Every structure is written in structure tokens, then in C-alpha cells.
């Protein structure tokens, strides 16, 4: 399954848990694994709590990890930090499926991280592998 989202800010976190849960439900999988993948070189997928203050903290951390510098790639299209953050945090996560549901912790959510927004079209691919 695939779905799309749009982003409004240069750095933005979006909770996509509901869309992924829907994909798991539609798959009919009772046990297995769900992979969430963003096919973009300037975005990431993380699993964490999705609380407004924590979102702001994540944004501060993203900016602090890669302060402004003379990155070589910036001479091409001025988004080297977005590529580097994506590489550090990763563009996919795999979550176990148990009893037909994502095996996330109490406060865990699946979060799409935009590092080079705003973008009108960001795709997310969800693949479910059913256990036998």
C-alpha cells in the first residue's frame, strides 16, 4: 500500500500511525512485520511519542545536529543538511504485527520527518509480510 502526504514547513514531523494501522488492517495479517518506507533522500521515518513539546524538541535537535556549514552538496541545491539528517535517521522502520495490530508501545507513534519542505507530495510505502 502507498499513501501520500504534503508538508508545510522546512522541518516538520507528521504522525502517520493511523494510515499505517489502516494498511495493516486491510492486509488481514494476524502476525508478521510491517515496513514503513519513505522513498525520499531528504526525509526520515522514526518511532517515538508524538507530543507537541517533543515535536519542537526534535526540530531543535535536528537543527543542532547539523549547524550551518559549508557543505559541498549545498553548492548544488542547498539542502545538504536534509540529506545528511535523512541518512542519520533512516528512511524506514519495521514494526512487528501481533494479533492483527502494530506492536507499538503505549506512547509510540510512527512519525514522518520532513527535512526539506515544504513539499506537496511525499510518498510513504507500507509493506506487510504475514507470518505463517
Protein backbone atom coordinates (compact mmCIF):
# COMPACT_ATOMS: atom_id res chain seq x y z
CA UNK A 1 0.00 0.00 0.00
CA UNK A 2 1.10 3.55 -0.65
CA UNK A 3 -0.21 6.88 0.56
CA UNK A 4 0.90 10.47 0.16
CA UNK A 5 1.18 13.47 2.43
CA UNK A 6 2.17 17.09 1.98
CA UNK A 7 4.32 19.17 4.30
CA UNK A 8 4.11 22.84 5.17
CA UNK A 9 7.46 23.62 6.84
CA UNK A 10 11.15 23.08 6.12
CA UNK A 11 11.43 20.76 9.12
CA UNK A 12 8.18 19.09 10.14
CA UNK A 13 7.04 15.96 11.94
CA UNK A 14 3.79 14.25 10.88
CA UNK A 15 2.11 11.36 12.69
CA UNK A 16 1.31 8.69 10.08
CA UNK A 17 0.36 5.92 12.51
CA UNK A 18 -3.31 5.91 11.51
CA UNK A 19 -2.56 5.39 7.82
CA UNK A 20 -0.15 2.54 8.64
CA UNK A 21 -2.65 0.90 11.01
CA UNK A 22 -5.21 1.03 8.19
CA UNK A 23 -2.78 -0.76 5.86
CA UNK A 24 -2.21 -3.50 8.45
CA UNK A 25 -5.95 -3.89 8.95
CA UNK A 26 -6.55 -4.16 5.19
CA UNK A 27 -3.81 -6.77 4.82
CA UNK A 28 -5.56 -9.21 7.13
CA UNK A 29 -2.22 -10.12 8.74
CA UNK A 30 -2.52 -11.54 12.25
CA UNK A 31 1.23 -11.85 12.83
CA UNK A 32 4.15 -10.65 10.78
CA UNK A 33 6.10 -7.49 10.07
CA UNK A 34 5.16 -4.09 8.72
CA UNK A 35 7.77 -1.99 6.97
CA UNK A 36 7.17 1.74 6.54
CA UNK A 37 9.41 3.32 3.92
CA UNK A 38 9.75 6.89 2.64
CA UNK A 39 11.41 6.82 -0.82
CA UNK A 40 12.92 10.26 -0.38
CA UNK A 41 16.55 11.31 0.18
CA UNK A 42 15.57 14.23 2.44
CA UNK A 43 13.08 12.62 4.83
CA UNK A 44 13.06 10.01 7.59
CA UNK A 45 10.77 7.69 9.50
CA UNK A 46 11.11 7.49 13.29
CA UNK A 47 9.12 5.85 16.07
CA UNK A 48 8.58 7.91 19.20
CA UNK A 49 5.96 9.76 21.20
CA UNK A 50 4.10 12.40 19.18
CA UNK A 51 3.57 15.22 21.68
CA UNK A 52 3.74 18.90 20.70
CA UNK A 53 6.61 19.88 23.02
CA UNK A 54 8.58 16.81 21.98
CA UNK A 55 7.99 17.69 18.32
CA UNK A 56 9.56 21.11 18.94
CA UNK A 57 12.43 19.43 20.80
CA UNK A 58 13.02 17.10 17.84
CA UNK A 59 13.09 20.11 15.50
CA UNK A 60 15.70 21.79 17.74
CA UNK A 61 17.79 18.62 17.84
CA UNK A 62 17.63 18.21 14.06
CA UNK A 63 18.89 21.77 13.63
CA UNK A 64 21.55 21.37 16.35
CA UNK A 65 22.95 18.12 14.93
CA UNK A 66 23.83 19.82 11.66
CA UNK A 67 24.52 23.52 12.15
CA UNK A 68 25.01 25.74 9.13
CA UNK A 69 28.27 24.90 7.42
CA UNK A 70 29.85 24.98 4.01
CA UNK A 71 28.61 21.53 2.95
CA UNK A 72 29.75 20.56 -0.54
CA UNK A 73 26.27 19.45 -1.65
CA UNK A 74 24.88 22.92 -0.82
CA UNK A 75 26.71 24.20 -3.88
CA UNK A 76 24.34 22.05 -5.97
CA UNK A 77 20.90 22.58 -4.41
CA UNK A 78 21.36 23.96 -0.88
CA UNK A 79 19.84 21.03 1.03
CA UNK A 80 22.85 19.03 2.25
CA UNK A 81 21.66 19.06 5.87
CA UNK A 82 18.35 17.47 4.80
CA UNK A 83 20.21 14.65 3.04
CA UNK A 84 22.55 14.15 5.99
CA UNK A 85 19.70 14.03 8.53
CA UNK A 86 17.85 11.51 6.38
CA UNK A 87 20.98 9.37 6.27
CA UNK A 88 21.45 9.58 10.03
CA UNK A 89 17.85 8.80 11.00
CA UNK A 90 16.90 6.46 8.14
CA UNK A 91 14.01 6.32 5.71
CA UNK A 92 12.33 3.16 7.01
CA UNK A 93 11.22 1.29 10.11
CA UNK A 94 9.90 -2.23 10.62
CA UNK A 95 7.27 -2.86 13.27
CA UNK A 96 6.06 -6.32 14.37
CA UNK A 97 2.41 -7.18 13.79
CA UNK A 98 0.78 -9.15 16.60
CA UNK A 99 -2.87 -10.15 16.84
CA UNK A 100 -3.61 -8.05 13.75
CA UNK A 101 -2.18 -4.82 15.19
CA UNK A 102 1.09 -2.94 15.16
CA UNK A 103 3.12 -3.91 18.23
CA UNK A 104 3.90 -0.34 19.26
CA UNK A 105 4.47 0.74 22.86
CA UNK A 106 1.88 2.76 24.74
CA UNK A 107 3.10 6.17 23.58
CA UNK A 108 4.85 5.14 20.38
CA UNK A 109 3.74 6.59 17.05
CA UNK A 110 5.14 6.32 13.53
CA UNK A 111 6.41 9.74 12.52
CA UNK A 112 7.38 11.06 9.08
CA UNK A 113 10.18 13.62 9.39
CA UNK A 114 10.42 16.26 6.68
CA UNK A 115 13.85 17.87 6.39
CA UNK A 116 13.48 19.74 3.06
CA UNK A 117 9.97 21.13 2.98
CA UNK A 118 7.55 22.32 2.23
CA UNK A 119 6.71 19.58 -0.26
CA UNK A 120 3.37 18.99 -1.94
CA UNK A 121 3.88 15.25 -2.41
CA UNK A 122 5.69 12.86 -0.11
CA UNK A 123 5.01 9.15 -0.65
CA UNK A 124 5.05 6.50 2.04
CA UNK A 125 5.13 2.81 1.15
CA UNK A 126 3.79 0.23 3.61
CA UNK A 127 4.62 -3.45 3.13
CA UNK A 128 3.20 -6.18 5.36
CA UNK A 129 4.77 -9.63 5.47
CA UNK A 130 2.49 -12.20 7.06
CA UNK A 131 3.96 -14.91 9.28
CA UNK A 132 2.84 -18.47 8.73
